[in-house]
Each structure stands twice: as structure tokens, then as C-alpha cells.
Protein backbone atom coordinates (compact mmCIF):
# COMPACT_ATOMS: atom_id res chain seq x y z
CA UNK A 1 28.46 -11.88 -18.66
CA UNK A 2 24.93 -12.71 -17.49
CA UNK A 3 25.79 -11.62 -13.94
CA UNK A 4 27.29 -8.34 -15.15
CA UNK A 5 24.21 -7.54 -17.20
CA UNK A 6 21.83 -8.57 -14.44
CA UNK A 7 23.61 -6.38 -11.93
CA UNK A 8 23.65 -3.49 -14.41
CA UNK A 9 19.94 -3.62 -15.25
CA UNK A 10 19.06 -3.83 -11.55
CA UNK A 11 21.08 -0.68 -10.95
CA UNK A 12 19.62 1.01 -14.05
CA UNK A 13 15.99 0.26 -13.19
CA UNK A 14 16.45 1.14 -9.52
CA UNK A 15 17.57 4.63 -10.55
CA UNK A 16 14.37 5.26 -12.51
CA UNK A 17 11.29 7.02 -11.16
CA UNK A 18 9.47 4.47 -9.01
CA UNK A 19 5.71 4.22 -9.20
CA UNK A 20 3.19 2.71 -6.82
CA UNK A 21 -0.55 2.40 -6.63
CA UNK A 22 -2.41 4.64 -7.23
CA UNK A 23 -0.36 5.55 -10.28
CA UNK A 24 -1.21 8.32 -12.71
CA UNK A 25 -1.95 7.68 -16.36
CA UNK A 26 0.20 10.60 -17.50
CA UNK A 27 3.22 8.86 -15.93
CA UNK A 28 2.72 5.72 -18.05
CA UNK A 29 3.79 5.58 -21.73
CA UNK A 30 1.20 4.28 -24.18
CA UNK A 31 3.38 1.31 -25.08
CA UNK A 32 6.30 -0.22 -23.25
CA UNK A 33 7.73 -2.57 -20.66
CA UNK A 34 7.12 -2.63 -16.91
CA UNK A 35 9.56 -3.85 -14.25
CA UNK A 36 8.11 -4.93 -10.90
CA UNK A 37 9.77 -4.86 -7.47
CA UNK A 38 8.45 -6.32 -4.22
CA UNK A 39 8.88 -5.20 -0.63
CA UNK A 40 11.65 -7.01 1.21
CA UNK A 41 13.31 -8.39 -1.92
CA UNK A 42 16.94 -7.40 -2.54
CA UNK A 43 19.48 -8.41 -5.19
CA UNK A 44 22.81 -6.86 -6.14
CA UNK A 45 22.38 -4.55 -3.12
CA UNK A 46 19.27 -2.90 -4.62
CA UNK A 47 15.57 -3.77 -4.90
CA UNK A 48 15.16 -7.10 -6.67
CA UNK A 49 13.18 -7.40 -9.89
CA UNK A 50 10.35 -9.92 -9.39
CA UNK A 51 8.57 -9.65 -12.74
CA UNK A 52 9.06 -8.17 -16.20
CA UNK A 53 6.14 -7.68 -18.53
CA UNK A 54 4.60 -5.87 -21.46
CA UNK A 55 1.19 -5.83 -23.13
CA UNK A 56 -0.63 -7.05 -26.20
CA UNK A 57 -2.25 -4.61 -28.57
CA UNK A 58 -1.48 -0.95 -29.04
CA UNK A 59 -1.59 1.72 -26.34
CA UNK A 60 -2.46 -0.73 -23.57
CA UNK A 61 0.37 -0.44 -21.05
CA UNK A 62 -1.70 1.55 -18.56
CA UNK A 63 -4.63 -0.84 -18.95
CA UNK A 64 -2.34 -3.81 -18.39
CA UNK A 65 -1.03 -2.34 -15.15
CA UNK A 66 -4.61 -1.70 -14.03
CA UNK A 67 -5.41 -5.37 -14.66
CA UNK A 68 -2.61 -6.31 -12.27
CA UNK A 69 -3.13 -3.68 -9.58
CA UNK A 70 -6.82 -2.91 -9.36
CA UNK A 71 -9.13 -4.91 -11.64
CA UNK A 72 -10.21 -7.85 -9.54
CA UNK A 73 -10.28 -10.58 -12.17
CA UNK A 74 -7.50 -13.15 -11.79
CA UNK A 75 -8.30 -14.59 -15.22
CA UNK A 76 -7.15 -11.34 -16.85
CA UNK A 77 -3.87 -11.12 -14.93
CA UNK A 78 -1.51 -14.06 -14.54
CA UNK A 79 0.27 -12.05 -11.84
CA UNK A 80 -2.93 -11.88 -9.79
CA UNK A 81 -3.60 -15.55 -10.37
CA UNK A 82 -0.10 -16.57 -9.32
CA UNK A 83 -0.12 -14.42 -6.18
CA UNK A 84 -3.53 -15.79 -5.22
CA UNK A 85 -2.28 -19.33 -5.72
CA UNK A 86 0.68 -18.67 -3.41
CA UNK A 87 -1.57 -17.15 -0.73
CA UNK A 88 -3.98 -20.10 -0.87
CA UNK A 89 -1.20 -22.68 -0.92
CA UNK A 90 0.52 -21.01 2.02
CA UNK A 91 -2.72 -21.31 3.98
CA UNK A 92 -3.33 -24.91 2.85
CA UNK A 93 -6.66 -23.70 1.49
CA UNK A 94 -8.51 -26.22 -0.66
CA UNK A 95 -10.04 -23.33 -2.63
CA UNK A 96 -6.79 -23.39 -4.63
CA UNK A 97 -8.24 -25.93 -7.07
CA UNK A 98 -11.09 -23.52 -7.89
CA UNK A 99 -8.84 -20.45 -8.08
CA UNK A 100 -6.83 -22.19 -10.81
CA UNK A 101 -9.89 -22.55 -13.06
CA UNK A 102 -10.08 -20.04 -15.92
CA UNK A 103 -13.63 -18.72 -16.18
CA UNK A 104 -13.15 -16.48 -19.22
CA UNK A 105 -15.06 -18.75 -21.62
CA UNK A 106 -18.79 -19.40 -21.63
CA UNK A 107 -18.16 -23.15 -21.58
CA UNK A 108 -16.00 -22.88 -18.45
CA UNK A 109 -18.62 -20.77 -16.69
CA UNK A 110 -21.36 -23.27 -17.52
CA UNK A 111 -19.21 -26.13 -16.27
CA UNK A 112 -17.77 -24.67 -13.07
CA UNK A 113 -19.74 -21.68 -11.79
CA UNK A 114 -22.16 -23.79 -9.77
CA UNK A 115 -19.23 -25.42 -7.93
CA UNK A 116 -17.34 -22.25 -7.04
CA UNK A 117 -18.01 -20.16 -3.96
CA UNK A 118 -17.94 -16.80 -5.73
CA UNK A 119 -18.12 -14.85 -2.49
CA UNK A 120 -14.93 -16.53 -1.36
CA UNK A 121 -13.35 -15.86 -4.73
CA UNK A 122 -14.16 -12.18 -4.31
CA UNK A 123 -12.53 -12.21 -0.87
CA UNK A 124 -9.36 -13.75 -2.30
CA UNK A 125 -9.38 -11.17 -5.10
CA UNK A 126 -9.48 -8.45 -2.42
CA UNK A 127 -6.61 -10.07 -0.56
CA UNK A 128 -4.56 -10.23 -3.76
CA UNK A 129 -5.34 -6.58 -4.50
CA UNK A 130 -4.27 -5.55 -1.01
CA UNK A 131 -1.04 -7.50 -1.31
CA UNK A 132 -0.13 -6.06 -4.72
CA UNK A 133 -1.02 -2.48 -3.86
CA UNK A 134 0.88 -2.66 -0.57
CA UNK A 135 3.98 -4.55 -1.71
CA UNK A 136 4.54 -4.07 -5.44
CA UNK A 137 6.16 -1.03 -7.04
CA UNK A 138 7.36 -0.59 -10.60
CA UNK A 139 9.17 1.39 -13.26
CA UNK A 140 8.21 1.67 -16.92
CA UNK A 141 9.86 2.71 -20.15
CA UNK A 142 8.34 3.23 -23.55
CA UNK A 143 8.81 1.10 -26.65
CA UNK A 144 6.29 1.57 -29.44
CA UNK A 145 7.19 -1.38 -31.65
CA UNK A 146 5.49 -4.55 -30.43
CA UNK A 147 8.18 -6.87 -31.81
CA UNK A 148 10.94 -4.88 -30.09
CA UNK A 149 8.99 -4.96 -26.81
CA UNK A 150 8.56 -8.70 -26.96
CA UNK A 151 12.21 -9.40 -27.76
CA UNK A 152 13.53 -7.10 -25.05
CA UNK A 153 11.08 -8.42 -22.46
CA UNK A 154 12.27 -11.98 -23.08
CA UNK A 155 15.94 -10.98 -22.94
CA UNK A 156 15.51 -9.16 -19.62
CA UNK A 157 13.61 -12.12 -18.12
CA UNK A 158 16.27 -14.55 -19.31
CA UNK A 159 19.09 -12.42 -17.92
CA UNK A 160 17.55 -12.34 -14.45
CA UNK A 161 16.58 -16.01 -14.43
CA UNK A 162 20.12 -17.07 -15.42
CA UNK A 163 21.79 -15.03 -12.68
CA UNK A 164 22.87 -17.14 -9.70
CA UNK A 165 23.45 -13.99 -7.62
CA UNK A 166 19.84 -12.90 -7.90
CA UNK A 167 17.69 -15.01 -5.58
CA UNK A 168 14.56 -14.52 -3.52
CA UNK A 169 14.48 -14.08 0.24
CA UNK A 170 13.32 -16.84 2.57
CA UNK A 171 10.18 -14.85 3.29
CA UNK A 172 9.15 -14.26 -0.33
CA UNK A 173 5.50 -15.14 -0.91
CA UNK A 174 6.38 -16.92 -4.17
CA UNK A 175 8.18 -19.62 -2.18
CA UNK A 176 4.69 -20.95 -1.42
CA UNK A 177 3.70 -21.12 -5.08
CA UNK A 178 2.57 -24.54 -6.26
CA UNK A 179 4.36 -23.74 -9.52
CA UNK A 180 7.89 -25.07 -9.52
CA UNK A 181 9.22 -22.51 -12.02
CA UNK A 182 8.14 -19.62 -9.81
CA UNK A 183 9.76 -21.15 -6.73
CA UNK A 184 12.99 -21.94 -8.57
CA UNK A 185 13.34 -18.65 -10.46
CA UNK A 186 12.24 -16.26 -7.74
CA UNK A 187 10.11 -14.52 -10.37
CA UNK A 188 6.35 -14.27 -10.74
CA UNK A 189 6.84 -15.83 -14.16
CA UNK A 190 6.84 -19.18 -15.90
CA UNK A 191 7.48 -18.09 -19.47
CA UNK A 192 10.79 -16.91 -20.95
CA UNK A 193 13.06 -18.31 -18.26
CA UNK A 194 16.59 -19.45 -19.01
CA UNK A 195 16.69 -18.44 -22.65
CA UNK A 196 18.94 -15.94 -24.45
CA UNK A 197 20.10 -13.13 -22.12
CA UNK A 198 20.59 -9.48 -23.00
CA UNK A 199 23.40 -8.67 -25.39
CA UNK A 200 25.38 -5.42 -25.59
CA UNK A 201 23.26 -4.11 -28.47
CA UNK A 202 20.06 -4.56 -26.46
CA UNK A 203 21.64 -2.95 -23.41
CA UNK A 204 22.61 0.10 -25.49
CA UNK A 205 19.16 0.25 -27.07
CA UNK A 206 17.53 0.20 -23.64
CA UNK A 207 19.97 2.78 -22.23
CA UNK A 208 19.15 5.20 -25.05
CA UNK A 209 15.42 4.91 -24.32
CA UNK A 210 15.73 5.29 -20.56
CA UNK A 211 18.52 7.83 -20.25
CA UNK A 212 17.50 10.02 -23.18
CA UNK A 213 13.73 10.03 -22.62
């Protein structure tokens, strides 16, 4: 069942209008779920899903995508942070230990800023931006209710992570991630893996949104 649903959602999402950077705001619903694909990644004979996500707060889907694709602050985008970690780990770069530090709080800044080469951090941010903008594409669909978004996001993630026919390529950047869950799942994710997959009711709900929009 999980394989059937994983294959189906890959086919469904691959048929949707694909978006890439720079994307237009009028193409993004106010609230919803995004599905990311990555160059060179194939599953079920179509482009492989590498991340599923949504957003907190109302009317923030576009802003969330901007945080991933263009706002160079890895502490506001776990996708950016994870891609940067894989790049640094691949290069055996000792800056990895600094990249992992979250500088969003005043206390963290006071503790760590003097230690961190911020010019290098900016260069890594640029490298992450270039990688994402060059290699990541996505589709989106609208869901206004935050609870529904969260439930469906988790079900889609679980479905993909449970599918043994849906694996990353040997050349996937995430294979260099220091995070075991990313390497094992083939997804730029650590949360929501291996839980309850999509059921028929959720599939129908999603179909009605996508096909009838």
C-alpha cells in the first residue's frame, strides 16, 4: 500500500506546474504545502521528491519559500542549514562546527560571534543559495487550514520515507550529510519519517485540491 501511494503521489506531483527560482508570488497560494525536487534525482520513473514542507502562521507560504531559496540566513531555513552541512562535510571543512550553531538568540550571538568567521559564513550562504536556485524545483498546492496542512505534510513525508522503491542516487549531495536520518531517508528532512502514511481519504482530499483548483 505504501509503495502504491508513493508511486501515485510522485506521478501526481510531477504532473503539476513546476516552479523554479525566480518564482512569482502570484503563482504561490497564501497557505499550503510545497513539494521539492532536485536535479538528477529519480524515483518511480519520474523526478524524486526530496523534501515536503509547509509553513507556520497564516499567509506565509511565499515567505517560507523565499527563506529557502533566497534569504541567506541558514538559521531561518533548516533546508539551507542541512544543505550547507552536506557541502561542508563533503569538503571535510572544519567550519561545519560553526555552521551548526544557531545564532538567532542574543545569548548565542554573545557567546559565539567572536569565534565565527562571518565572511566565510557569508560565502557558504552564497554557495547554498547557488545550489538551491540551480538544482531545486517545486510544486505547491493550497490548504488554508493549518491543522489540515500539518497532518497532510506528515502523511506525505511518512509515505515517501517508508517506500523502499524510492531511494536517492549515488551522487545525491545529501549522502554527505552528517545527519544519519537524511542519509538513510534520502530526504532533506529529519522530522516525520516512518510514521503513518497517506490513507485513501487523504489521497482523495489532496486530489480534489490539486485537480479541481
